[in-house]
Protein backbone atom coordinates (compact mmCIF):
# COMPACT_ATOMS: atom_id res chain seq x y z
CA MET A 1 -15.74 16.99 -72.74
CA ILE A 2 -18.48 16.07 -75.19
CA GLN A 3 -21.86 17.56 -74.39
CA ALA A 4 -25.21 15.74 -74.59
CA PRO A 5 -26.71 18.19 -77.14
CA ASP A 6 -24.29 16.72 -79.70
CA LEU A 7 -26.23 13.44 -79.54
CA PRO A 8 -28.53 12.93 -82.58
CA GLY A 9 -32.26 12.70 -81.92
CA TRP A 10 -32.60 9.02 -82.84
CA ALA A 11 -29.73 8.08 -80.49
CA ALA A 12 -31.07 10.27 -77.68
CA ALA A 13 -34.49 8.62 -77.96
CA LEU A 14 -32.96 5.13 -77.98
CA VAL A 15 -30.68 5.90 -75.02
CA ALA A 16 -33.58 7.43 -73.07
CA LEU A 17 -35.77 4.39 -73.78
CA LEU A 18 -33.06 1.97 -72.67
CA LEU A 19 -32.34 4.00 -69.52
CA LEU A 20 -36.02 4.08 -68.58
CA ALA A 21 -36.40 0.35 -69.25
CA GLY A 22 -33.32 -0.39 -67.13
CA ALA A 23 -34.56 1.79 -64.29
CA LEU A 24 -37.98 0.13 -64.48
CA ALA A 25 -36.42 -3.35 -64.34
CA ALA A 26 -34.41 -2.37 -61.26
CA LEU A 27 -37.54 -0.87 -59.69
CA VAL A 28 -39.54 -4.05 -60.31
CA GLY A 29 -36.76 -6.05 -58.61
CA SER A 30 -36.86 -3.70 -55.63
CA ILE A 31 -40.64 -3.96 -55.36
CA GLY A 32 -40.33 -7.74 -55.56
CA LEU A 33 -37.91 -7.59 -52.64
CA LEU A 34 -40.50 -5.78 -50.55
CA ARG A 35 -43.43 -8.01 -51.52
CA MET A 36 -41.86 -11.40 -50.83
CA GLN A 37 -42.27 -12.95 -47.38
CA SER A 38 -39.27 -15.14 -46.60
CA PHE A 39 -35.59 -14.44 -47.04
CA TYR A 40 -35.24 -17.12 -49.70
CA GLU A 41 -38.03 -15.60 -51.78
CA ARG A 42 -36.49 -12.16 -51.35
CA VAL A 43 -33.16 -13.21 -52.82
CA HIS A 44 -34.49 -13.82 -56.33
CA PRO A 45 -36.21 -10.58 -57.53
CA PRO A 46 -33.37 -8.14 -56.81
CA THR A 47 -30.89 -10.41 -58.56
CA LEU A 48 -32.97 -10.54 -61.73
CA GLY A 49 -33.99 -6.89 -61.57
CA SER A 50 -30.51 -5.57 -61.03
CA THR A 51 -28.96 -7.79 -63.69
CA LEU A 52 -31.53 -6.90 -66.37
CA GLY A 53 -31.55 -3.23 -65.36
CA MET A 54 -27.77 -3.09 -65.45
CA ALA A 55 -27.67 -4.72 -68.89
CA LEU A 56 -30.09 -2.17 -70.33
CA ILE A 57 -28.29 0.78 -68.75
CA VAL A 58 -24.88 -0.46 -69.94
CA LEU A 59 -26.32 -0.89 -73.45
CA ALA A 60 -27.58 2.71 -73.34
CA SER A 61 -24.12 3.85 -72.25
CA ILE A 62 -22.45 1.92 -75.07
CA ILE A 63 -24.78 3.46 -77.65
CA CYS A 64 -24.34 6.98 -76.26
CA SER A 65 -20.54 6.75 -76.10
CA SER A 66 -20.24 5.12 -79.51
CA VAL A 67 -22.41 7.75 -81.22
CA LEU A 68 -20.68 10.69 -79.51
CA ARG A 69 -17.16 9.44 -80.22
CA SER A 70 -17.95 8.20 -83.77
CA ARG A 71 -16.25 4.89 -83.01
CA PRO A 72 -17.26 1.72 -81.19
CA SER A 73 -17.00 2.06 -77.42
CA VAL A 74 -17.25 -1.24 -75.61
CA HIS A 75 -15.24 -0.66 -72.43
CA GLU A 76 -18.58 -0.48 -70.58
CA VAL A 77 -18.92 -4.21 -71.26
CA LEU A 78 -16.42 -4.80 -68.43
CA ILE A 79 -18.78 -3.08 -66.01
CA GLY A 80 -21.60 -5.33 -67.16
CA LEU A 81 -19.42 -8.41 -66.97
CA PHE A 82 -18.29 -7.71 -63.41
CA LEU A 83 -21.81 -6.94 -62.20
CA THR A 84 -23.29 -9.95 -63.98
CA VAL A 85 -20.78 -12.23 -62.26
CA THR A 86 -20.72 -10.67 -58.78
CA THR A 87 -24.42 -9.96 -58.12
CA PRO A 88 -25.73 -13.56 -58.38
CA VAL A 89 -22.68 -14.90 -56.54
CA ALA A 90 -23.21 -12.46 -53.66
CA PHE A 91 -26.88 -13.38 -53.34
CA MET A 92 -26.05 -17.09 -53.52
CA LEU A 93 -23.54 -16.70 -50.68
CA LEU A 94 -26.12 -14.78 -48.63
CA ALA A 95 -28.67 -17.55 -49.19
CA ARG A 96 -26.18 -20.24 -48.20
CA ALA A 97 -25.22 -18.34 -45.05
CA ALA A 98 -28.90 -17.97 -44.11
CA LEU A 99 -29.52 -21.66 -44.76
CA TYR A 100 -26.55 -22.64 -42.62
CA ARG A 101 -27.70 -20.36 -39.82
CA GLU A 102 -31.21 -21.79 -39.86
CA ARG A 103 -29.91 -25.35 -39.80
CA VAL A 104 -27.59 -24.62 -36.88
CA GLU A 105 -30.18 -22.69 -34.85
CA GLY A 106 -33.02 -25.00 -35.84
CA GLY A 107 -35.46 -22.17 -36.47
CA GLY A 108 -37.61 -21.38 -39.48
CA TYR A 109 -37.85 -23.43 -42.63
CA SER A 110 -34.79 -25.08 -44.01
CA PRO A 111 -34.77 -27.83 -46.63
CA PRO A 112 -33.64 -31.26 -45.44
CA VAL A 113 -29.92 -31.98 -45.61
CA ASP A 114 -28.97 -34.24 -48.51
CA GLU A 115 -26.81 -37.20 -47.50
CA GLY A 116 -24.28 -36.26 -50.19
CA GLU A 117 -23.71 -32.83 -48.59
CA LYS A 118 -22.56 -34.18 -45.21
């Protein structure tokens, strides 16, 4: 197993900066989730925060692995690809389910039904 002390100073600083930026982006998305009022407003911030945070953290992992192994390491891109595809799709499905429920129950705000959707 390769140990972290083998990481050069410039790479350690870059990885630390990217990790902090990714964590901050995820934190901002979480705070946005708490500050928004309706469900539809709450869907947006976590999606953006988690996607940007994940991208920065995966980039830090790619840099760390590539420097430690002395060869390009891009298998982490699959993690980023799967999360980038699944997170927005999951939130979109949640929003559609909530919209359907509101239309059926008749409570809360729901946008008018478009004639083409019937």
